[in-house]
Amino acid sequence: DLLDLALELPVEMHMPLAPPTGLFQRTSGFTMLDPRAGFAAMDSEQASLCMLPDSGFVLLDDTGTAAAESFTSRVEAEVARLWRAGGEAEAWLQKLDAVRVPPAETLEALRDL
């Protein structure tokens, strides 16, 4: 019911799905260049997926792709360690435990929007 409402409502609400530390790299284009750009691809896999034109260019060769993936794995492992060490992961899980479905009257009000 909530997913259907989320797709239908004209209201946009933002709720992070994880603690923010370390998410910038994952969403900033380091691991995936926007395929709508049209003339550049991050790696050969993306070049194939976005049907890169002959005039386009690929930023990373296979060696560069492997190095970028290794770097990303190391950074993500360190971010996870920091989340655990700083208590952020536990605090986030506790916060999620407190998330509940809104009362029926709230759901009805949302449906009426």
PDB file of N, CA and C in Angstrom:
ATOM      1  N   ASP A   1       0.831  -1.198   0.000  1.00  0.00           N
ATOM      2  CA  ASP A   1       0.000   0.000   0.000  1.00  0.00           C
ATOM      3  C   ASP A   1       0.875   1.261   0.000  1.00  0.00           C
ATOM      4  N   LEU A   2       1.918   1.256   0.851  1.00  0.00           N
ATOM      5  CA  LEU A   2       2.791   2.420   0.922  1.00  0.00           C
ATOM      6  C   LEU A   2       3.566   2.637  -0.368  1.00  0.00           C
ATOM      7  N   LEU A   3       3.991   1.549  -1.012  1.00  0.00           N
ATOM      8  CA  LEU A   3       4.709   1.702  -2.271  1.00  0.00           C
ATOM      9  C   LEU A   3       3.806   2.289  -3.346  1.00  0.00           C
ATOM     10  N   ASP A   4       2.567   1.833  -3.407  1.00  0.00           N
ATOM     11  CA  ASP A   4       1.629   2.384  -4.379  1.00  0.00           C
ATOM     12  C   ASP A   4       1.414   3.868  -4.122  1.00  0.00           C
ATOM     13  N   LEU A   5       1.241   4.235  -2.857  1.00  0.00           N
ATOM     14  CA  LEU A   5       1.073   5.648  -2.514  1.00  0.00           C
ATOM     15  C   LEU A   5       2.305   6.458  -2.903  1.00  0.00           C
ATOM     16  N   ALA A   6       3.469   5.917  -2.640  1.00  0.00           N
ATOM     17  CA  ALA A   6       4.705   6.635  -2.959  1.00  0.00           C
ATOM     18  C   ALA A   6       4.805   6.919  -4.450  1.00  0.00           C
ATOM     19  N   LEU A   7       4.316   6.010  -5.259  1.00  0.00           N
ATOM     20  CA  LEU A   7       4.376   6.213  -6.706  1.00  0.00           C
ATOM     21  C   LEU A   7       3.291   7.160  -7.212  1.00  0.00           C
ATOM     22  N   GLU A   8       2.191   7.239  -6.510  1.00  0.00           N
ATOM     23  CA  GLU A   8       1.061   8.034  -6.977  1.00  0.00           C
ATOM     24  C   GLU A   8       1.017   9.453  -6.422  1.00  0.00           C
ATOM     25  N   LEU A   9       1.570   9.665  -5.244  1.00  0.00           N
ATOM     26  CA  LEU A   9       1.460  10.971  -4.600  1.00  0.00           C
ATOM     27  C   LEU A   9       2.218  12.051  -5.357  1.00  0.00           C
ATOM     28  N   PRO A  10       1.648  13.260  -5.428  1.00  0.00           N
ATOM     29  CA  PRO A  10       2.349  14.373  -6.069  1.00  0.00           C
ATOM     30  C   PRO A  10       3.377  15.017  -5.134  1.00  0.00           C
ATOM     31  N   VAL A  11       3.541  14.455  -3.952  1.00  0.00           N
ATOM     32  CA  VAL A  11       4.455  14.995  -2.949  1.00  0.00           C
ATOM     33  C   VAL A  11       5.723  14.153  -2.946  1.00  0.00           C
ATOM     34  N   GLU A  12       6.866  14.811  -2.944  1.00  0.00           N
ATOM     35  CA  GLU A  12       8.131  14.085  -2.904  1.00  0.00           C
ATOM     36  C   GLU A  12       8.728  14.219  -1.512  1.00  0.00           C
ATOM     37  N   MET A  13       9.028  13.077  -0.897  1.00  0.00           N
ATOM     38  CA  MET A  13       9.634  13.090   0.432  1.00  0.00           C
ATOM     39  C   MET A  13      10.976  12.383   0.339  1.00  0.00           C
ATOM     40  N   HIS A  14      11.969  12.905   1.043  1.00  0.00           N
ATOM     41  CA  HIS A  14      13.294  12.317   1.016  1.00  0.00           C
ATOM     42  C   HIS A  14      13.595  11.666   2.358  1.00  0.00           C
ATOM     43  N   MET A  15      14.016  10.403   2.299  1.00  0.00           N
ATOM     44  CA  MET A  15      14.432   9.702   3.506  1.00  0.00           C
ATOM     45  C   MET A  15      15.664   8.897   3.143  1.00  0.00           C
ATOM     46  N   PRO A  16      16.795   9.196   3.765  1.00  0.00           N
ATOM     47  CA  PRO A  16      18.007   8.440   3.418  1.00  0.00           C
ATOM     48  C   PRO A  16      17.850   6.969   3.768  1.00  0.00           C
ATOM     49  N   LEU A  17      18.456   6.125   2.950  1.00  0.00           N
ATOM     50  CA  LEU A  17      18.363   4.693   3.168  1.00  0.00           C
ATOM     51  C   LEU A  17      19.546   4.144   3.949  1.00  0.00           C
ATOM     52  N   ALA A  18      20.516   4.999   4.236  1.00  0.00           N
ATOM     53  CA  ALA A  18      21.698   4.570   4.989  1.00  0.00           C
ATOM     54  C   ALA A  18      22.333   5.806   5.605  1.00  0.00           C
ATOM     55  N   PRO A  19      23.204   5.625   6.579  1.00  0.00           N
ATOM     56  CA  PRO A  19      23.925   6.796   7.092  1.00  0.00           C
ATOM     57  C   PRO A  19      24.665   7.484   5.946  1.00  0.00           C
ATOM     58  N   PRO A  20      24.739   8.807   5.923  1.00  0.00           N
ATOM     59  CA  PRO A  20      25.264   9.526   4.772  1.00  0.00           C
ATOM     60  C   PRO A  20      26.763   9.385   4.548  1.00  0.00           C
ATOM     61  N   THR A  21      27.516   9.054   5.560  1.00  0.00           N
ATOM     62  CA  THR A  21      28.966   8.978   5.405  1.00  0.00           C
ATOM     63  C   THR A  21      29.344   7.973   4.326  1.00  0.00           C
ATOM     64  N   GLY A  22      30.046   8.419   3.321  1.00  0.00           N
ATOM     65  CA  GLY A  22      30.533   7.516   2.287  1.00  0.00           C
ATOM     66  C   GLY A  22      29.613   7.342   1.102  1.00  0.00           C
ATOM     67  N   LEU A  23      28.419   7.887   1.141  1.00  0.00           N
ATOM     68  CA  LEU A  23      27.510   7.694   0.018  1.00  0.00           C
ATOM     69  C   LEU A  23      27.850   8.588  -1.172  1.00  0.00           C
ATOM     70  N   PHE A  24      28.561   9.674  -0.939  1.00  0.00           N
ATOM     71  CA  PHE A  24      28.880  10.594  -2.029  1.00  0.00           C
ATOM     72  C   PHE A  24      29.609   9.874  -3.159  1.00  0.00           C
ATOM     73  N   GLN A  25      30.593   9.074  -2.815  1.00  0.00           N
ATOM     74  CA  GLN A  25      31.357   8.386  -3.852  1.00  0.00           C
ATOM     75  C   GLN A  25      30.461   7.454  -4.659  1.00  0.00           C
ATOM     76  N   ARG A  26      29.575   6.759  -4.011  1.00  0.00           N
ATOM     77  CA  ARG A  26      28.725   5.790  -4.690  1.00  0.00           C
ATOM     78  C   ARG A  26      27.763   6.481  -5.657  1.00  0.00           C
ATOM     79  N   THR A  27      27.330   7.690  -5.322  1.00  0.00           N
ATOM     80  CA  THR A  27      26.326   8.350  -6.153  1.00  0.00           C
ATOM     81  C   THR A  27      26.881   9.495  -6.981  1.00  0.00           C
ATOM     82  N   SER A  28      28.186   9.749  -6.915  1.00  0.00           N
ATOM     83  CA  SER A  28      28.731  10.913  -7.608  1.00  0.00           C
ATOM     84  C   SER A  28      29.183  10.617  -9.025  1.00  0.00           C
ATOM     85  N   GLY A  29      29.041   9.389  -9.464  1.00  0.00           N
ATOM     86  CA  GLY A  29      29.434   9.063 -10.820  1.00  0.00           C
ATOM     87  C   GLY A  29      30.762   8.341 -10.901  1.00  0.00           C
ATOM     88  N   PHE A  30      31.417   8.111  -9.781  1.00  0.00           N
ATOM     89  CA  PHE A  30      32.704   7.416  -9.810  1.00  0.00           C
ATOM     90  C   PHE A  30      32.545   6.010 -10.367  1.00  0.00           C
ATOM     91  N   THR A  31      31.476   5.328  -9.968  1.00  0.00           N
ATOM     92  CA  THR A  31      31.309   3.951 -10.413  1.00  0.00           C
ATOM     93  C   THR A  31      30.407   3.827 -11.635  1.00  0.00           C
ATOM     94  N   MET A  32      29.724   4.882 -11.999  1.00  0.00           N
ATOM     95  CA  MET A  32      28.833   4.787 -13.161  1.00  0.00           C
ATOM     96  C   MET A  32      28.600   6.178 -13.724  1.00  0.00           C
ATOM     97  N   LEU A  33      29.068   6.409 -14.904  1.00  0.00           N
ATOM     98  CA  LEU A  33      28.874   7.685 -15.563  1.00  0.00           C
ATOM     99  C   LEU A  33      27.454   7.729 -16.115  1.00  0.00           C
ATOM    100  N   ASP A  34      26.824   8.872 -16.088  1.00  0.00           N
ATOM    101  CA  ASP A  34      25.453   9.003 -16.579  1.00  0.00           C
ATOM    102  C   ASP A  34      25.407   8.642 -18.069  1.00  0.00           C
ATOM    103  N   PRO A  35      24.678   7.558 -18.434  1.00  0.00           N
ATOM    104  CA  PRO A  35      24.662   7.131 -19.835  1.00  0.00           C
ATOM    105  C   PRO A  35      23.965   8.115 -20.764  1.00  0.00           C
ATOM    106  N   ARG A  36      23.216   9.065 -20.205  1.00  0.00           N
ATOM    107  CA  ARG A  36      22.547  10.045 -21.067  1.00  0.00           C
ATOM    108  C   ARG A  36      23.522  11.048 -21.656  1.00  0.00           C
ATOM    109  N   ALA A  37      24.753  11.066 -21.120  1.00  0.00           N
ATOM    110  CA  ALA A  37      25.750  12.003 -21.631  1.00  0.00           C
ATOM    111  C   ALA A  37      26.032  11.729 -23.102  1.00  0.00           C
ATOM    112  N   GLY A  38      26.016  10.453 -23.500  1.00  0.00           N
ATOM    113  CA  GLY A  38      26.061  10.109 -24.906  1.00  0.00           C
ATOM    114  C   GLY A  38      27.419   9.938 -25.541  1.00  0.00           C
ATOM    115  N   PHE A  39      28.437  10.659 -25.138  1.00  0.00           N
ATOM    116  CA  PHE A  39      29.714  10.583 -25.834  1.00  0.00           C
ATOM    117  C   PHE A  39      30.855  10.094 -24.956  1.00  0.00           C
ATOM    118  N   ALA A  40      30.562   9.661 -23.744  1.00  0.00           N
ATOM    119  CA  ALA A  40      31.586   9.135 -22.856  1.00  0.00           C
ATOM    120  C   ALA A  40      31.002   7.994 -22.041  1.00  0.00           C
ATOM    121  N   ALA A  41      31.841   7.036 -21.749  1.00  0.00           N
ATOM    122  CA  ALA A  41      31.441   5.916 -20.900  1.00  0.00           C
ATOM    123  C   ALA A  41      32.557   5.690 -19.896  1.00  0.00           C
ATOM    124  N   MET A  42      32.196   5.225 -18.708  1.00  0.00           N
ATOM    125  CA  MET A  42      33.185   4.989 -17.667  1.00  0.00           C
ATOM    126  C   MET A  42      34.093   3.824 -18.046  1.00  0.00           C
ATOM    127  N   ASP A  43      33.500   2.742 -18.595  1.00  0.00           N
ATOM    128  CA  ASP A  43      34.284   1.556 -18.943  1.00  0.00           C
ATOM    129  C   ASP A  43      33.654   0.863 -20.146  1.00  0.00           C
ATOM    130  N   SER A  44      34.284  -0.218 -20.601  1.00  0.00           N
ATOM    131  CA  SER A  44      33.799  -0.899 -21.802  1.00  0.00           C
ATOM    132  C   SER A  44      32.405  -1.481 -21.603  1.00  0.00           C
ATOM    133  N   GLU A  45      32.087  -1.924 -20.386  1.00  0.00           N
ATOM    134  CA  GLU A  45      30.744  -2.460 -20.130  1.00  0.00           C
ATOM    135  C   GLU A  45      29.685  -1.379 -20.327  1.00  0.00           C
ATOM    136  N   GLN A  46      29.932  -0.204 -19.758  1.00  0.00           N
ATOM    137  CA  GLN A  46      28.966   0.874 -19.928  1.00  0.00           C
ATOM    138  C   GLN A  46      28.911   1.335 -21.379  1.00  0.00           C
ATOM    139  N   ALA A  47      30.043   1.329 -22.058  1.00  0.00           N
ATOM    140  CA  ALA A  47      30.059   1.721 -23.476  1.00  0.00           C
ATOM    141  C   ALA A  47      29.131   0.825 -24.279  1.00  0.00           C
ATOM    142  N   SER A  48      29.148  -0.470 -23.966  1.00  0.00           N
ATOM    143  CA  SER A  48      28.274  -1.420 -24.654  1.00  0.00           C
ATOM    144  C   SER A  48      26.811  -1.184 -24.280  1.00  0.00           C
ATOM    145  N   LEU A  49      26.551  -0.964 -22.987  1.00  0.00           N
ATOM    146  CA  LEU A  49      25.176  -0.788 -22.519  1.00  0.00           C
ATOM    147  C   LEU A  49      24.525   0.477 -23.069  1.00  0.00           C
ATOM    148  N   CYS A  50      25.312   1.550 -23.223  1.00  0.00           N
ATOM    149  CA  CYS A  50      24.709   2.819 -23.673  1.00  0.00           C
ATOM    150  C   CYS A  50      24.883   3.040 -25.173  1.00  0.00           C
ATOM    151  N   MET A  51      25.366   1.995 -25.877  1.00  0.00           N
ATOM    152  CA  MET A  51      25.560   2.084 -27.321  1.00  0.00           C
ATOM    153  C   MET A  51      26.368   3.327 -27.680  1.00  0.00           C
ATOM    154  N   LEU A  52      27.548   3.415 -27.095  1.00  0.00           N
ATOM    155  CA  LEU A  52      28.440   4.546 -27.303  1.00  0.00           C
ATOM    156  C   LEU A  52      28.748   4.703 -28.783  1.00  0.00           C
ATOM    157  N   PRO A  53      28.544   5.905 -29.342  1.00  0.00           N
ATOM    158  CA  PRO A  53      28.846   6.102 -30.763  1.00  0.00           C
ATOM    159  C   PRO A  53      30.352   6.041 -31.022  1.00  0.00           C
ATOM    160  N   ASP A  54      30.731   5.850 -32.280  1.00  0.00           N
ATOM    161  CA  ASP A  54      32.148   5.765 -32.639  1.00  0.00           C
ATOM    162  C   ASP A  54      32.924   7.007 -32.226  1.00  0.00           C
ATOM    163  N   SER A  55      32.252   8.146 -32.181  1.00  0.00           N
ATOM    164  CA  SER A  55      32.932   9.387 -31.806  1.00  0.00           C
ATOM    165  C   SER A  55      33.093   9.529 -30.297  1.00  0.00           C
ATOM    166  N   GLY A  56      32.521   8.612 -29.523  1.00  0.00           N
ATOM    167  CA  GLY A  56      32.620   8.668 -28.067  1.00  0.00           C
ATOM    168  C   GLY A  56      33.936   8.104 -27.577  1.00  0.00           C
ATOM    169  N   PHE A  57      34.157   8.210 -26.265  1.00  0.00           N
ATOM    170  CA  PHE A  57      35.397   7.683 -25.689  1.00  0.00           C
ATOM    171  C   PHE A  57      35.104   6.990 -24.367  1.00  0.00           C
ATOM    172  N   VAL A  58      35.958   6.039 -24.037  1.00  0.00           N
ATOM    173  CA  VAL A  58      35.853   5.271 -22.803  1.00  0.00           C
ATOM    174  C   VAL A  58      36.932   5.769 -21.854  1.00  0.00           C
ATOM    175  N   LEU A  59      36.550   6.136 -20.633  1.00  0.00           N
ATOM    176  CA  LEU A  59      37.482   6.733 -19.688  1.00  0.00           C
ATOM    177  C   LEU A  59      38.485   5.745 -19.113  1.00  0.00           C
ATOM    178  N   LEU A  60      38.067   4.505 -18.837  1.00  0.00           N
ATOM    179  CA  LEU A  60      38.945   3.531 -18.197  1.00  0.00           C
ATOM    180  C   LEU A  60      39.106   2.284 -19.056  1.00  0.00           C
ATOM    181  N   ASP A  61      40.352   1.833 -19.221  1.00  0.00           N
ATOM    182  CA  ASP A  61      40.569   0.539 -19.855  1.00  0.00           C
ATOM    183  C   ASP A  61      40.359  -0.545 -18.795  1.00  0.00           C
ATOM    184  N   ASP A  62      40.592  -1.812 -19.144  1.00  0.00           N
ATOM    185  CA  ASP A  62      40.332  -2.897 -18.198  1.00  0.00           C
ATOM    186  C   ASP A  62      41.181  -2.773 -16.932  1.00  0.00           C
ATOM    187  N   THR A  63      42.427  -2.338 -17.077  1.00  0.00           N
ATOM    188  CA  THR A  63      43.297  -2.162 -15.917  1.00  0.00           C
ATOM    189  C   THR A  63      42.770  -1.042 -15.022  1.00  0.00           C
ATOM    190  N   GLY A  64      42.345   0.061 -15.634  1.00  0.00           N
ATOM    191  CA  GLY A  64      41.784   1.179 -14.879  1.00  0.00           C
ATOM    192  C   GLY A  64      40.493   0.794 -14.176  1.00  0.00           C
ATOM    193  N   THR A  65      39.670   0.008 -14.858  1.00  0.00           N
ATOM    194  CA  THR A  65      38.415  -0.451 -14.261  1.00  0.00           C
ATOM    195  C   THR A  65      38.696  -1.317 -13.035  1.00  0.00           C
ATOM    196  N   ALA A  66      39.654  -2.232 -13.154  1.00  0.00           N
ATOM    197  CA  ALA A  66      40.004  -3.089 -12.015  1.00  0.00           C
ATOM    198  C   ALA A  66      40.539  -2.254 -10.857  1.00  0.00           C
ATOM    199  N   ALA A  67      41.358  -1.255 -11.161  1.00  0.00           N
ATOM    200  CA  ALA A  67      41.904  -0.389 -10.103  1.00  0.00           C
ATOM    201  C   ALA A  67      40.786   0.409  -9.436  1.00  0.00           C
ATOM    202  N   ALA A  68      39.839   0.920 -10.224  1.00  0.00           N
ATOM    203  CA  ALA A  68      38.722   1.695  -9.670  1.00  0.00           C
ATOM    204  C   ALA A  68      37.842   0.815  -8.789  1.00  0.00           C
ATOM    205  N   GLU A  69      37.596  -0.418  -9.227  1.00  0.00           N
ATOM    206  CA  GLU A  69      36.781  -1.334  -8.426  1.00  0.00           C
ATOM    207  C   GLU A  69      37.489  -1.691  -7.123  1.00  0.00           C
ATOM    208  N   SER A  70      38.789  -1.891  -7.178  1.00  0.00           N
ATOM    209  CA  SER A  70      39.558  -2.194  -5.974  1.00  0.00           C
ATOM    210  C   SER A  70      39.521  -1.014  -5.008  1.00  0.00           C
ATOM    211  N   PHE A  71      39.696   0.187  -5.546  1.00  0.00           N
ATOM    212  CA  PHE A  71      39.651   1.394  -4.721  1.00  0.00           C
ATOM    213  C   PHE A  71      38.280   1.546  -4.070  1.00  0.00           C
ATOM    214  N   THR A  72      37.231   1.352  -4.848  1.00  0.00           N
ATOM    215  CA  THR A  72      35.870   1.473  -4.328  1.00  0.00           C
ATOM    216  C   THR A  72      35.633   0.463  -3.210  1.00  0.00           C
ATOM    217  N   SER A  73      36.084  -0.761  -3.393  1.00  0.00           N
ATOM    218  CA  SER A  73      35.913  -1.791  -2.359  1.00  0.00           C
ATOM    219  C   SER A  73      36.626  -1.405  -1.071  1.00  0.00           C
ATOM    220  N   ARG A  74      37.852  -0.879  -1.194  1.00  0.00           N
ATOM    221  CA  ARG A  74      38.605  -0.472  -0.002  1.00  0.00           C
ATOM    222  C   ARG A  74      37.908   0.672   0.719  1.00  0.00           C
ATOM    223  N   VAL A  75      37.421   1.653  -0.051  1.00  0.00           N
ATOM    224  CA  VAL A  75      36.740   2.800   0.565  1.00  0.00           C
ATOM    225  C   VAL A  75      35.454   2.352   1.240  1.00  0.00           C
ATOM    226  N   GLU A  76      34.672   1.515   0.566  1.00  0.00           N
ATOM    227  CA  GLU A  76      33.412   1.054   1.149  1.00  0.00           C
ATOM    228  C   GLU A  76      33.652   0.224   2.405  1.00  0.00           C
ATOM    229  N   ALA A  77      34.710  -0.582   2.425  1.00  0.00           N
ATOM    230  CA  ALA A  77      35.042  -1.352   3.630  1.00  0.00           C
ATOM    231  C   ALA A  77      35.411  -0.410   4.777  1.00  0.00           C
ATOM    232  N   GLU A  78      36.152   0.648   4.469  1.00  0.00           N
ATOM    233  CA  GLU A  78      36.525   1.612   5.506  1.00  0.00           C
ATOM    234  C   GLU A  78      35.311   2.386   6.009  1.00  0.00           C
ATOM    235  N   VAL A  79      34.418   2.748   5.114  1.00  0.00           N
ATOM    236  CA  VAL A  79      33.196   3.440   5.525  1.00  0.00           C
ATOM    237  C   VAL A  79      32.371   2.532   6.432  1.00  0.00           C
ATOM    238  N   ALA A  80      32.236   1.261   6.070  1.00  0.00           N
ATOM    239  CA  ALA A  80      31.488   0.311   6.903  1.00  0.00           C
ATOM    240  C   ALA A  80      32.142   0.185   8.278  1.00  0.00           C
ATOM    241  N   ARG A  81      33.470   0.139   8.306  1.00  0.00           N
ATOM    242  CA  ARG A  81      34.178   0.049   9.584  1.00  0.00           C
ATOM    243  C   ARG A  81      33.903   1.286  10.435  1.00  0.00           C
ATOM    244  N   LEU A  82      33.936   2.462   9.800  1.00  0.00           N
ATOM    245  CA  LEU A  82      33.670   3.702  10.530  1.00  0.00           C
ATOM    246  C   LEU A  82      32.231   3.754  11.031  1.00  0.00           C
ATOM    247  N   TRP A  83      31.282   3.254  10.238  1.00  0.00           N
ATOM    248  CA  TRP A  83      29.880   3.209  10.675  1.00  0.00           C
ATOM    249  C   TRP A  83      29.761   2.362  11.933  1.00  0.00           C
ATOM    250  N   ARG A  84      30.425   1.198  11.902  1.00  0.00           N
ATOM    251  CA  ARG A  84      30.354   0.310  13.075  1.00  0.00           C
ATOM    252  C   ARG A  84      31.077   0.919  14.272  1.00  0.00           C
ATOM    253  N   ALA A  85      32.283   1.422  14.052  1.00  0.00           N
ATOM    254  CA  ALA A  85      33.088   1.972  15.153  1.00  0.00           C
ATOM    255  C   ALA A  85      32.439   3.200  15.782  1.00  0.00           C
ATOM    256  N   GLY A  86      31.807   4.026  14.976  1.00  0.00           N
ATOM    257  CA  GLY A  86      31.186   5.243  15.488  1.00  0.00           C
ATOM    258  C   GLY A  86      29.764   5.048  15.986  1.00  0.00           C
ATOM    259  N   GLY A  87      29.250   3.822  15.879  1.00  0.00           N
ATOM    260  CA  GLY A  87      27.898   3.543  16.343  1.00  0.00           C
ATOM    261  C   GLY A  87      26.810   3.968  15.371  1.00  0.00           C
ATOM    262  N   GLU A  88      27.193   4.476  14.194  1.00  0.00           N
ATOM    263  CA  GLU A  88      26.186   4.946  13.241  1.00  0.00           C
ATOM    264  C   GLU A  88      25.341   3.811  12.681  1.00  0.00           C
ATOM    265  N   ALA A  89      25.968   2.673  12.412  1.00  0.00           N
ATOM    266  CA  ALA A  89      25.213   1.541  11.872  1.00  0.00           C
ATOM    267  C   ALA A  89      24.159   1.081  12.875  1.00  0.00           C
ATOM    268  N   GLU A  90      24.546   0.944  14.132  1.00  0.00           N
ATOM    269  CA  GLU A  90      23.607   0.515  15.177  1.00  0.00           C
ATOM    270  C   GLU A  90      22.501   1.545  15.368  1.00  0.00           C
ATOM    271  N   ALA A  91      22.875   2.835  15.385  1.00  0.00           N
ATOM    272  CA  ALA A  91      21.878   3.897  15.546  1.00  0.00           C
ATOM    273  C   ALA A  91      20.886   3.877  14.386  1.00  0.00           C
ATOM    274  N   TRP A  92      21.389   3.614  13.184  1.00  0.00           N
ATOM    275  CA  TRP A  92      20.506   3.573  12.012  1.00  0.00           C
ATOM    276  C   TRP A  92      19.546   2.402  12.106  1.00  0.00           C
ATOM    277  N   LEU A  93      20.050   1.232  12.517  1.00  0.00           N
ATOM    278  CA  LEU A  93      19.175   0.072  12.662  1.00  0.00           C
ATOM    279  C   LEU A  93      18.106   0.316  13.728  1.00  0.00           C
ATOM    280  N   GLN A  94      18.479   0.980  14.809  1.00  0.00           N
ATOM    281  CA  GLN A  94      17.498   1.307  15.849  1.00  0.00           C
ATOM    282  C   GLN A  94      16.457   2.285  15.313  1.00  0.00           C
ATOM    283  N   LYS A  95      16.892   3.231  14.503  1.00  0.00           N
ATOM    284  CA  LYS A  95      15.951   4.183  13.908  1.00  0.00           C
ATOM    285  C   LYS A  95      14.970   3.453  12.995  1.00  0.00           C
ATOM    286  N   LEU A  96      15.473   2.512  12.210  1.00  0.00           N
ATOM    287  CA  LEU A  96      14.594   1.752  11.325  1.00  0.00           C
ATOM    288  C   LEU A  96      13.600   0.911  12.102  1.00  0.00           C
ATOM    289  N   ASP A  97      14.007   0.415  13.274  1.00  0.00           N
ATOM    290  CA  ASP A  97      13.087  -0.350  14.121  1.00  0.00           C
ATOM    291  C   ASP A  97      11.900   0.499  14.561  1.00  0.00           C
ATOM    292  N   ALA A  98      12.116   1.820  14.651  1.00  0.00           N
ATOM    293  CA  ALA A  98      11.058   2.715  15.111  1.00  0.00           C
ATOM    294  C   ALA A  98      10.130   3.158  13.975  1.00  0.00           C
ATOM    295  N   VAL A  99      10.494   2.873  12.736  1.00  0.00           N
ATOM    296  CA  VAL A  99       9.667   3.289  11.594  1.00  0.00           C
ATOM    297  C   VAL A  99       8.431   2.398  11.537  1.00  0.00           C
ATOM    298  N   ARG A 100       7.280   3.013  11.491  1.00  0.00           N
ATOM    299  CA  ARG A 100       6.015   2.278  11.453  1.00  0.00           C
ATOM    300  C   ARG A 100       5.130   2.805  10.332  1.00  0.00           C
ATOM    301  N   VAL A 101       4.204   1.983   9.921  1.00  0.00           N
ATOM    302  CA  VAL A 101       3.215   2.401   8.916  1.00  0.00           C
ATOM    303  C   VAL A 101       2.365   3.505   9.530  1.00  0.00           C
ATOM    304  N   PRO A 102       2.097   4.559   8.780  1.00  0.00           N
ATOM    305  CA  PRO A 102       1.263   5.639   9.328  1.00  0.00           C
ATOM    306  C   PRO A 102      -0.137   5.123   9.694  1.00  0.00           C
ATOM    307  N   PRO A 103      -0.815   5.825  10.601  1.00  0.00           N
ATOM    308  CA  PRO A 103      -2.182   5.433  10.960  1.00  0.00           C
ATOM    309  C   PRO A 103      -3.105   5.457   9.736  1.00  0.00           C
ATOM    310  N   ALA A 104      -4.173   4.710   9.811  1.00  0.00           N
ATOM    311  CA  ALA A 104      -5.115   4.595   8.688  1.00  0.00           C
ATOM    312  C   ALA A 104      -5.628   5.955   8.231  1.00  0.00           C
ATOM    313  N   GLU A 105      -5.914   6.867   9.183  1.00  0.00           N
ATOM    314  CA  GLU A 105      -6.437   8.180   8.780  1.00  0.00           C
ATOM    315  C   GLU A 105      -5.394   8.983   8.000  1.00  0.00           C
ATOM    316  N   THR A 106      -4.134   8.821   8.320  1.00  0.00           N
ATOM    317  CA  THR A 106      -3.070   9.498   7.573  1.00  0.00           C
ATOM    318  C   THR A 106      -2.976   8.938   6.163  1.00  0.00           C
ATOM    319  N   LEU A 107      -3.073   7.616   6.050  1.00  0.00           N
ATOM    320  CA  LEU A 107      -3.050   6.993   4.728  1.00  0.00           C
ATOM    321  C   LEU A 107      -4.219   7.472   3.871  1.00  0.00           C
ATOM    322  N   GLU A 108      -5.391   7.582   4.485  1.00  0.00           N
ATOM    323  CA  GLU A 108      -6.562   8.079   3.750  1.00  0.00           C
ATOM    324  C   GLU A 108      -6.344   9.516   3.280  1.00  0.00           C
ATOM    325  N   ALA A 109      -5.786  10.347   4.154  1.00  0.00           N
ATOM    326  CA  ALA A 109      -5.513  11.746   3.778  1.00  0.00           C
ATOM    327  C   ALA A 109      -4.519  11.796   2.624  1.00  0.00           C
ATOM    328  N   LEU A 110      -3.530  10.934   2.631  1.00  0.00           N
ATOM    329  CA  LEU A 110      -2.548  10.897   1.544  1.00  0.00           C
ATOM    330  C   LEU A 110      -3.206  10.451   0.243  1.00  0.00           C
ATOM    331  N   ARG A 111      -4.103   9.470   0.335  1.00  0.00           N
ATOM    332  CA  ARG A 111      -4.805   9.004  -0.871  1.00  0.00           C
ATOM    333  C   ARG A 111      -5.650  10.108  -1.497  1.00  0.00           C
ATOM    334  N   ASP A 112      -6.141  11.003  -0.657  1.00  0.00           N
ATOM    335  CA  ASP A 112      -7.001  12.069  -1.151  1.00  0.00           C
ATOM    336  C   ASP A 112      -6.236  13.225  -1.815  1.00  0.00           C
ATOM    337  N   LEU A 113      -4.924  13.229  -1.690  1.00  0.00           N
ATOM    338  CA  LEU A 113      -4.137  14.318  -2.308  1.00  0.00           C
ATOM    339  C   LEU A 113      -4.219  14.297  -3.809  1.00  0.00           C
TER     340      LEU A 113
END
